[in-house]
């Protein structure tokens, strides 16, 4: 449960993710953002870097939330793969 100043924070406050894609299967690009817990930051950075996704920004919007929440913005480009 996420709390800010001892008050429960719900999805009503706008925690969501998004991704925007453009291009073709031969040349595609993606940009977006998502939230993560502060103890997930290092693992997420590593996973994105290993897969060619660039981290554009990491920041927080709140000051006293528990657990700590960080927002990550990213972008990448490449070839779409059919599995």
PDB file of N, CA and C in Angstrom:
ATOM      1  N   UNK A   1       0.838  -1.170   0.000  1.00  0.00           N
ATOM      2  CA  UNK A   1       0.000   0.000   0.000  1.00  0.00           C
ATOM      3  C   UNK A   1       0.890   1.242   0.000  1.00  0.00           C
ATOM      4  N   UNK A   2       0.638   2.152  -0.913  1.00  0.00           N
ATOM      5  CA  UNK A   2       1.404   3.391  -1.027  1.00  0.00           C
ATOM      6  C   UNK A   2       0.768   4.466  -0.156  1.00  0.00           C
ATOM      7  N   UNK A   3       1.605   5.142   0.633  1.00  0.00           N
ATOM      8  CA  UNK A   3       1.110   6.215   1.494  1.00  0.00           C
ATOM      9  C   UNK A   3       1.939   7.469   1.302  1.00  0.00           C
ATOM     10  N   UNK A   4       1.272   8.621   1.339  1.00  0.00           N
ATOM     11  CA  UNK A   4       1.907   9.938   1.285  1.00  0.00           C
ATOM     12  C   UNK A   4       1.408  10.701   2.497  1.00  0.00           C
ATOM     13  N   UNK A   5       2.309  11.073   3.401  1.00  0.00           N
ATOM     14  CA  UNK A   5       1.929  11.759   4.646  1.00  0.00           C
ATOM     15  C   UNK A   5       0.847  10.980   5.388  1.00  0.00           C
ATOM     16  N   UNK A   6       1.013   9.665   5.466  1.00  0.00           N
ATOM     17  CA  UNK A   6       0.103   8.762   6.187  1.00  0.00           C
ATOM     18  C   UNK A   6      -1.257   8.575   5.508  1.00  0.00           C
ATOM     19  N   UNK A   7      -1.444   9.101   4.295  1.00  0.00           N
ATOM     20  CA  UNK A   7      -2.701   8.949   3.562  1.00  0.00           C
ATOM     21  C   UNK A   7      -2.480   7.962   2.422  1.00  0.00           C
ATOM     22  N   UNK A   8      -3.388   6.997   2.284  1.00  0.00           N
ATOM     23  CA  UNK A   8      -3.279   6.009   1.215  1.00  0.00           C
ATOM     24  C   UNK A   8      -3.447   6.668  -0.145  1.00  0.00           C
ATOM     25  N   UNK A   9      -2.536   6.352  -1.061  1.00  0.00           N
ATOM     26  CA  UNK A   9      -2.586   6.867  -2.432  1.00  0.00           C
ATOM     27  C   UNK A   9      -3.110   5.748  -3.322  1.00  0.00           C
ATOM     28  N   UNK A  10      -4.141   6.041  -4.099  1.00  0.00           N
ATOM     29  CA  UNK A  10      -4.738   5.022  -4.967  1.00  0.00           C
ATOM     30  C   UNK A  10      -4.476   5.375  -6.430  1.00  0.00           C
ATOM     31  N   UNK A  11      -4.993   4.547  -7.332  1.00  0.00           N
ATOM     32  CA  UNK A  11      -4.845   4.809  -8.767  1.00  0.00           C
ATOM     33  C   UNK A  11      -5.563   6.082  -9.169  1.00  0.00           C
ATOM     34  N   UNK A  12      -6.452   6.577  -8.350  1.00  0.00           N
ATOM     35  CA  UNK A  12      -7.153   7.838  -8.615  1.00  0.00           C
ATOM     36  C   UNK A  12      -6.162   8.983  -8.817  1.00  0.00           C
ATOM     37  N   UNK A  13      -4.980   8.896  -8.198  1.00  0.00           N
ATOM     38  CA  UNK A  13      -3.992   9.969  -8.290  1.00  0.00           C
ATOM     39  C   UNK A  13      -3.166   9.913  -9.572  1.00  0.00           C
ATOM     40  N   UNK A  14      -3.443   8.973 -10.450  1.00  0.00           N
ATOM     41  CA  UNK A  14      -2.844   9.002 -11.776  1.00  0.00           C
ATOM     42  C   UNK A  14      -1.575   8.199 -11.975  1.00  0.00           C
ATOM     43  N   UNK A  15      -1.335   7.172 -11.190  1.00  0.00           N
ATOM     44  CA  UNK A  15      -0.192   6.301 -11.465  1.00  0.00           C
ATOM     45  C   UNK A  15      -0.558   5.420 -12.648  1.00  0.00           C
ATOM     46  N   UNK A  16       0.084   5.657 -13.768  1.00  0.00           N
ATOM     47  CA  UNK A  16      -0.179   4.848 -14.941  1.00  0.00           C
ATOM     48  C   UNK A  16       1.078   4.788 -15.786  1.00  0.00           C
ATOM     49  N   UNK A  17       1.016   3.993 -16.828  1.00  0.00           N
ATOM     50  CA  UNK A  17       2.144   3.866 -17.744  1.00  0.00           C
ATOM     51  C   UNK A  17       1.662   4.184 -19.150  1.00  0.00           C
ATOM     52  N   UNK A  18       2.597   4.522 -20.013  1.00  0.00           N
ATOM     53  CA  UNK A  18       2.243   4.718 -21.414  1.00  0.00           C
ATOM     54  C   UNK A  18       3.446   4.396 -22.280  1.00  0.00           C
ATOM     55  N   UNK A  19       3.148   4.065 -23.520  1.00  0.00           N
ATOM     56  CA  UNK A  19       4.186   3.831 -24.524  1.00  0.00           C
ATOM     57  C   UNK A  19       3.633   4.278 -25.871  1.00  0.00           C
ATOM     58  N   UNK A  20       4.444   4.985 -26.627  1.00  0.00           N
ATOM     59  CA  UNK A  20       4.060   5.435 -27.963  1.00  0.00           C
ATOM     60  C   UNK A  20       5.016   4.800 -28.965  1.00  0.00           C
ATOM     61  N   UNK A  21       4.454   4.175 -29.984  1.00  0.00           N
ATOM     62  CA  UNK A  21       5.240   3.523 -31.029  1.00  0.00           C
ATOM     63  C   UNK A  21       5.024   4.250 -32.344  1.00  0.00           C
ATOM     64  N   UNK A  22       6.056   4.279 -33.175  1.00  0.00           N
ATOM     65  CA  UNK A  22       5.904   4.816 -34.525  1.00  0.00           C
ATOM     66  C   UNK A  22       6.884   4.119 -35.450  1.00  0.00           C
ATOM     67  N   UNK A  23       6.646   4.238 -36.732  1.00  0.00           N
ATOM     68  CA  UNK A  23       7.540   3.639 -37.711  1.00  0.00           C
ATOM     69  C   UNK A  23       6.941   2.423 -38.368  1.00  0.00           C
ATOM     70  N   UNK A  24       7.822   1.586 -38.856  1.00  0.00           N
ATOM     71  CA  UNK A  24       7.432   0.356 -39.540  1.00  0.00           C
ATOM     72  C   UNK A  24       8.121  -0.817 -38.857  1.00  0.00           C
ATOM     73  N   UNK A  25       7.795  -2.000 -39.297  1.00  0.00           N
ATOM     74  CA  UNK A  25       8.440  -3.187 -38.715  1.00  0.00           C
ATOM     75  C   UNK A  25       9.944  -3.198 -38.962  1.00  0.00           C
ATOM     76  N   UNK A  26      10.396  -2.527 -40.029  1.00  0.00           N
ATOM     77  CA  UNK A  26      11.825  -2.470 -40.340  1.00  0.00           C
ATOM     78  C   UNK A  26      12.565  -1.359 -39.603  1.00  0.00           C
ATOM     79  N   UNK A  27      11.839  -0.364 -39.147  1.00  0.00           N
ATOM     80  CA  UNK A  27      12.476   0.758 -38.461  1.00  0.00           C
ATOM     81  C   UNK A  27      11.444   1.372 -37.506  1.00  0.00           C
ATOM     82  N   UNK A  28      11.455   0.916 -36.262  1.00  0.00           N
ATOM     83  CA  UNK A  28      10.454   1.328 -35.276  1.00  0.00           C
ATOM     84  C   UNK A  28      11.097   2.115 -34.147  1.00  0.00           C
ATOM     85  N   UNK A  29      10.290   2.950 -33.501  1.00  0.00           N
ATOM     86  CA  UNK A  29      10.746   3.712 -32.334  1.00  0.00           C
ATOM     87  C   UNK A  29       9.672   3.628 -31.250  1.00  0.00           C
ATOM     88  N   UNK A  30      10.110   3.713 -30.004  1.00  0.00           N
ATOM     89  CA  UNK A  30       9.192   3.695 -28.865  1.00  0.00           C
ATOM     90  C   UNK A  30       9.668   4.719 -27.844  1.00  0.00           C
ATOM     91  N   UNK A  31       8.720   5.353 -27.176  1.00  0.00           N
ATOM     92  CA  UNK A  31       9.009   6.259 -26.062  1.00  0.00           C
ATOM     93  C   UNK A  31       7.891   6.099 -25.050  1.00  0.00           C
ATOM     94  N   UNK A  32       8.204   6.308 -23.779  1.00  0.00           N
ATOM     95  CA  UNK A  32       7.160   6.178 -22.772  1.00  0.00           C
ATOM     96  C   UNK A  32       7.690   6.402 -21.374  1.00  0.00           C
ATOM     97  N   UNK A  33       6.837   6.107 -20.404  1.00  0.00           N
ATOM     98  CA  UNK A  33       7.273   6.172 -19.015  1.00  0.00           C
ATOM     99  C   UNK A  33       6.470   5.210 -18.156  1.00  0.00           C
ATOM    100  N   UNK A  34       7.010   4.922 -16.995  1.00  0.00           N
ATOM    101  CA  UNK A  34       6.325   4.079 -16.022  1.00  0.00           C
ATOM    102  C   UNK A  34       6.851   4.379 -14.631  1.00  0.00           C
ATOM    103  N   UNK A  35       6.162   3.841 -13.643  1.00  0.00           N
ATOM    104  CA  UNK A  35       6.569   4.026 -12.251  1.00  0.00           C
ATOM    105  C   UNK A  35       7.158   2.727 -11.724  1.00  0.00           C
ATOM    106  N   UNK A  36       8.001   2.874 -10.704  1.00  0.00           N
ATOM    107  CA  UNK A  36       8.594   1.696 -10.062  1.00  0.00           C
ATOM    108  C   UNK A  36       8.938   2.040  -8.618  1.00  0.00           C
ATOM    109  N   UNK A  37       9.094   1.024  -7.821  1.00  0.00           N
ATOM    110  CA  UNK A  37       9.528   1.206  -6.440  1.00  0.00           C
ATOM    111  C   UNK A  37      11.012   1.548  -6.415  1.00  0.00           C
ATOM    112  N   UNK A  38      11.437   2.285  -5.405  1.00  0.00           N
ATOM    113  CA  UNK A  38      12.834   2.725  -5.375  1.00  0.00           C
ATOM    114  C   UNK A  38      13.808   1.558  -5.345  1.00  0.00           C
ATOM    115  N   UNK A  39      13.427   0.428  -4.769  1.00  0.00           N
ATOM    116  CA  UNK A  39      14.342  -0.716  -4.743  1.00  0.00           C
ATOM    117  C   UNK A  39      14.390  -1.464  -6.071  1.00  0.00           C
ATOM    118  N   UNK A  40      13.600  -1.057  -7.057  1.00  0.00           N
ATOM    119  CA  UNK A  40      13.613  -1.670  -8.384  1.00  0.00           C
ATOM    120  C   UNK A  40      14.449  -0.890  -9.399  1.00  0.00           C
ATOM    121  N   UNK A  41      14.871   0.329  -9.064  1.00  0.00           N
ATOM    122  CA  UNK A  41      15.526   1.226 -10.019  1.00  0.00           C
ATOM    123  C   UNK A  41      16.749   0.584 -10.674  1.00  0.00           C
ATOM    124  N   UNK A  42      17.668   0.048  -9.910  1.00  0.00           N
ATOM    125  CA  UNK A  42      18.910  -0.507 -10.469  1.00  0.00           C
ATOM    126  C   UNK A  42      18.627  -1.672 -11.418  1.00  0.00           C
ATOM    127  N   UNK A  43      17.737  -2.571 -11.032  1.00  0.00           N
ATOM    128  CA  UNK A  43      17.427  -3.719 -11.893  1.00  0.00           C
ATOM    129  C   UNK A  43      16.737  -3.286 -13.183  1.00  0.00           C
ATOM    130  N   UNK A  44      15.872  -2.283 -13.101  1.00  0.00           N
ATOM    131  CA  UNK A  44      15.186  -1.794 -14.296  1.00  0.00           C
ATOM    132  C   UNK A  44      16.181  -1.129 -15.243  1.00  0.00           C
ATOM    133  N   UNK A  45      17.079  -0.297 -14.702  1.00  0.00           N
ATOM    134  CA  UNK A  45      18.123   0.326 -15.535  1.00  0.00           C
ATOM    135  C   UNK A  45      18.898  -0.754 -16.274  1.00  0.00           C
ATOM    136  N   UNK A  46      19.314  -1.784 -15.574  1.00  0.00           N
ATOM    137  CA  UNK A  46      20.112  -2.856 -16.164  1.00  0.00           C
ATOM    138  C   UNK A  46      19.335  -3.574 -17.269  1.00  0.00           C
ATOM    139  N   UNK A  47      18.081  -3.921 -17.007  1.00  0.00           N
ATOM    140  CA  UNK A  47      17.271  -4.632 -18.002  1.00  0.00           C
ATOM    141  C   UNK A  47      17.048  -3.790 -19.249  1.00  0.00           C
ATOM    142  N   UNK A  48      16.776  -2.507 -19.072  1.00  0.00           N
ATOM    143  CA  UNK A  48      16.574  -1.647 -20.231  1.00  0.00           C
ATOM    144  C   UNK A  48      17.862  -1.508 -21.042  1.00  0.00           C
ATOM    145  N   UNK A  49      18.981  -1.258 -20.373  1.00  0.00           N
ATOM    146  CA  UNK A  49      20.267  -1.098 -21.071  1.00  0.00           C
ATOM    147  C   UNK A  49      20.637  -2.363 -21.844  1.00  0.00           C
ATOM    148  N   UNK A  50      20.413  -3.517 -21.254  1.00  0.00           N
ATOM    149  CA  UNK A  50      20.730  -4.784 -21.916  1.00  0.00           C
ATOM    150  C   UNK A  50      19.882  -5.009 -23.165  1.00  0.00           C
ATOM    151  N   UNK A  51      18.768  -4.312 -23.273  1.00  0.00           N
ATOM    152  CA  UNK A  51      17.867  -4.495 -24.405  1.00  0.00           C
ATOM    153  C   UNK A  51      17.790  -3.274 -25.317  1.00  0.00           C
ATOM    154  N   UNK A  52      18.784  -2.383 -25.209  1.00  0.00           N
ATOM    155  CA  UNK A  52      18.894  -1.259 -26.119  1.00  0.00           C
ATOM    156  C   UNK A  52      17.903  -0.129 -25.907  1.00  0.00           C
ATOM    157  N   UNK A  53      17.324  -0.044 -24.723  1.00  0.00           N
ATOM    158  CA  UNK A  53      16.384   1.029 -24.403  1.00  0.00           C
ATOM    159  C   UNK A  53      17.128   2.084 -23.589  1.00  0.00           C
ATOM    160  N   UNK A  54      17.051   3.343 -24.033  1.00  0.00           N
ATOM    161  CA  UNK A  54      17.739   4.453 -23.365  1.00  0.00           C
ATOM    162  C   UNK A  54      16.857   5.048 -22.274  1.00  0.00           C
ATOM    163  N   UNK A  55      17.419   5.255 -21.094  1.00  0.00           N
ATOM    164  CA  UNK A  55      16.722   5.955 -20.018  1.00  0.00           C
ATOM    165  C   UNK A  55      16.920   7.448 -20.238  1.00  0.00           C
ATOM    166  N   UNK A  56      15.827   8.186 -20.315  1.00  0.00           N
ATOM    167  CA  UNK A  56      15.873   9.622 -20.565  1.00  0.00           C
ATOM    168  C   UNK A  56      15.867  10.390 -19.248  1.00  0.00           C
ATOM    169  N   UNK A  57      15.062   9.950 -18.288  1.00  0.00           N
ATOM    170  CA  UNK A  57      14.966  10.652 -17.002  1.00  0.00           C
ATOM    171  C   UNK A  57      14.429   9.713 -15.937  1.00  0.00           C
ATOM    172  N   UNK A  58      14.875   9.938 -14.720  1.00  0.00           N
ATOM    173  CA  UNK A  58      14.322   9.269 -13.545  1.00  0.00           C
ATOM    174  C   UNK A  58      14.086  10.351 -12.510  1.00  0.00           C
ATOM    175  N   UNK A  59      12.885  10.378 -11.961  1.00  0.00           N
ATOM    176  CA  UNK A  59      12.566  11.429 -10.989  1.00  0.00           C
ATOM    177  C   UNK A  59      11.417  10.974 -10.102  1.00  0.00           C
ATOM    178  N   UNK A  60      11.136  11.745  -9.093  1.00  0.00           N
ATOM    179  CA  UNK A  60       9.973  11.470  -8.262  1.00  0.00           C
ATOM    180  C   UNK A  60       9.098  12.716  -8.214  1.00  0.00           C
ATOM    181  N   UNK A  61       7.828  12.523  -7.871  1.00  0.00           N
ATOM    182  CA  UNK A  61       6.872  13.622  -7.804  1.00  0.00           C
ATOM    183  C   UNK A  61       6.531  13.962  -6.361  1.00  0.00           C
ATOM    184  N   UNK A  62       6.785  13.035  -5.473  1.00  0.00           N
ATOM    185  CA  UNK A  62       6.397  13.198  -4.085  1.00  0.00           C
ATOM    186  C   UNK A  62       7.639  13.259  -3.207  1.00  0.00           C
ATOM    187  N   UNK A  63       7.429  13.597  -1.946  1.00  0.00           N
ATOM    188  CA  UNK A  63       8.563  13.745  -1.041  1.00  0.00           C
ATOM    189  C   UNK A  63       8.558  12.705   0.070  1.00  0.00           C
ATOM    190  N   UNK A  64       7.431  12.407   0.639  1.00  0.00           N
ATOM    191  CA  UNK A  64       7.376  11.531   1.808  1.00  0.00           C
ATOM    192  C   UNK A  64       6.571  10.258   1.578  1.00  0.00           C
ATOM    193  N   UNK A  65       6.477   9.797   0.333  1.00  0.00           N
ATOM    194  CA  UNK A  65       5.695   8.595   0.080  1.00  0.00           C
ATOM    195  C   UNK A  65       6.451   7.368   0.581  1.00  0.00           C
ATOM    196  N   UNK A  66       5.713   6.371   0.999  1.00  0.00           N
ATOM    197  CA  UNK A  66       6.278   5.107   1.450  1.00  0.00           C
ATOM    198  C   UNK A  66       5.481   3.983   0.829  1.00  0.00           C
ATOM    199  N   UNK A  67       6.083   3.060   0.141  1.00  0.00           N
ATOM    200  CA  UNK A  67       7.491   3.036  -0.259  1.00  0.00           C
ATOM    201  C   UNK A  67       7.782   4.108  -1.312  1.00  0.00           C
ATOM    202  N   UNK A  68       9.070   4.383  -1.525  1.00  0.00           N
ATOM    203  CA  UNK A  68       9.485   5.401  -2.490  1.00  0.00           C
ATOM    204  C   UNK A  68       9.116   5.015  -3.914  1.00  0.00           C
ATOM    205  N   UNK A  69       8.547   5.947  -4.664  1.00  0.00           N
ATOM    206  CA  UNK A  69       8.131   5.721  -6.044  1.00  0.00           C
ATOM    207  C   UNK A  69       8.950   6.613  -6.969  1.00  0.00           C
ATOM    208  N   UNK A  70       9.476   6.017  -8.051  1.00  0.00           N
ATOM    209  CA  UNK A  70      10.228   6.771  -9.047  1.00  0.00           C
ATOM    210  C   UNK A  70       9.558   6.628 -10.412  1.00  0.00           C
ATOM    211  N   UNK A  71       9.658   7.664 -11.210  1.00  0.00           N
ATOM    212  CA  UNK A  71       9.104   7.696 -12.550  1.00  0.00           C
ATOM    213  C   UNK A  71      10.266   7.640 -13.538  1.00  0.00           C
ATOM    214  N   UNK A  72      10.180   6.756 -14.521  1.00  0.00           N
ATOM    215  CA  UNK A  72      11.252   6.565 -15.484  1.00  0.00           C
ATOM    216  C   UNK A  72      10.717   6.833 -16.882  1.00  0.00           C
ATOM    217  N   UNK A  73      11.406   7.684 -17.638  1.00  0.00           N
ATOM    218  CA  UNK A  73      11.080   7.968 -19.033  1.00  0.00           C
ATOM    219  C   UNK A  73      12.131   7.287 -19.908  1.00  0.00           C
ATOM    220  N   UNK A  74      11.710   6.713 -21.022  1.00  0.00           N
ATOM    221  CA  UNK A  74      12.627   5.946 -21.863  1.00  0.00           C
ATOM    222  C   UNK A  74      12.321   6.149 -23.339  1.00  0.00           C
ATOM    223  N   UNK A  75      13.272   5.740 -24.182  1.00  0.00           N
ATOM    224  CA  UNK A  75      13.045   5.673 -25.619  1.00  0.00           C
ATOM    225  C   UNK A  75      13.977   4.635 -26.216  1.00  0.00           C
ATOM    226  N   UNK A  76      13.609   4.135 -27.367  1.00  0.00           N
ATOM    227  CA  UNK A  76      14.449   3.171 -28.061  1.00  0.00           C
ATOM    228  C   UNK A  76      14.033   3.081 -29.518  1.00  0.00           C
ATOM    229  N   UNK A  77      14.881   2.463 -30.312  1.00  0.00           N
ATOM    230  CA  UNK A  77      14.553   2.246 -31.716  1.00  0.00           C
ATOM    231  C   UNK A  77      15.168   0.940 -32.166  1.00  0.00           C
ATOM    232  N   UNK A  78      14.612   0.387 -33.205  1.00  0.00           N
ATOM    233  CA  UNK A  78      15.135  -0.882 -33.704  1.00  0.00           C
ATOM    234  C   UNK A  78      14.186  -1.527 -34.688  1.00  0.00           C
ATOM    235  N   UNK A  79      14.365  -2.811 -34.857  1.00  0.00           N
ATOM    236  CA  UNK A  79      13.573  -3.608 -35.787  1.00  0.00           C
ATOM    237  C   UNK A  79      12.607  -4.455 -34.979  1.00  0.00           C
ATOM    238  N   UNK A  80      11.343  -4.445 -35.369  1.00  0.00           N
ATOM    239  CA  UNK A  80      10.350  -5.294 -34.708  1.00  0.00           C
ATOM    240  C   UNK A  80      10.635  -6.746 -35.067  1.00  0.00           C
ATOM    241  N   UNK A  81      10.521  -7.627 -34.098  1.00  0.00           N
ATOM    242  CA  UNK A  81      10.784  -9.050 -34.331  1.00  0.00           C
ATOM    243  C   UNK A  81       9.494  -9.834 -34.250  1.00  0.00           C
ATOM    244  N   UNK A  82       9.331 -10.788 -35.134  1.00  0.00           N
ATOM    245  CA  UNK A  82       8.207 -11.714 -35.063  1.00  0.00           C
ATOM    246  C   UNK A  82       8.691 -12.976 -34.394  1.00  0.00           C
ATOM    247  N   UNK A  83       8.045 -13.349 -33.309  1.00  0.00           N
ATOM    248  CA  UNK A  83       8.441 -14.563 -32.581  1.00  0.00           C
ATOM    249  C   UNK A  83       7.505 -15.687 -32.886  1.00  0.00           C
TER     250      UNK A  83
END
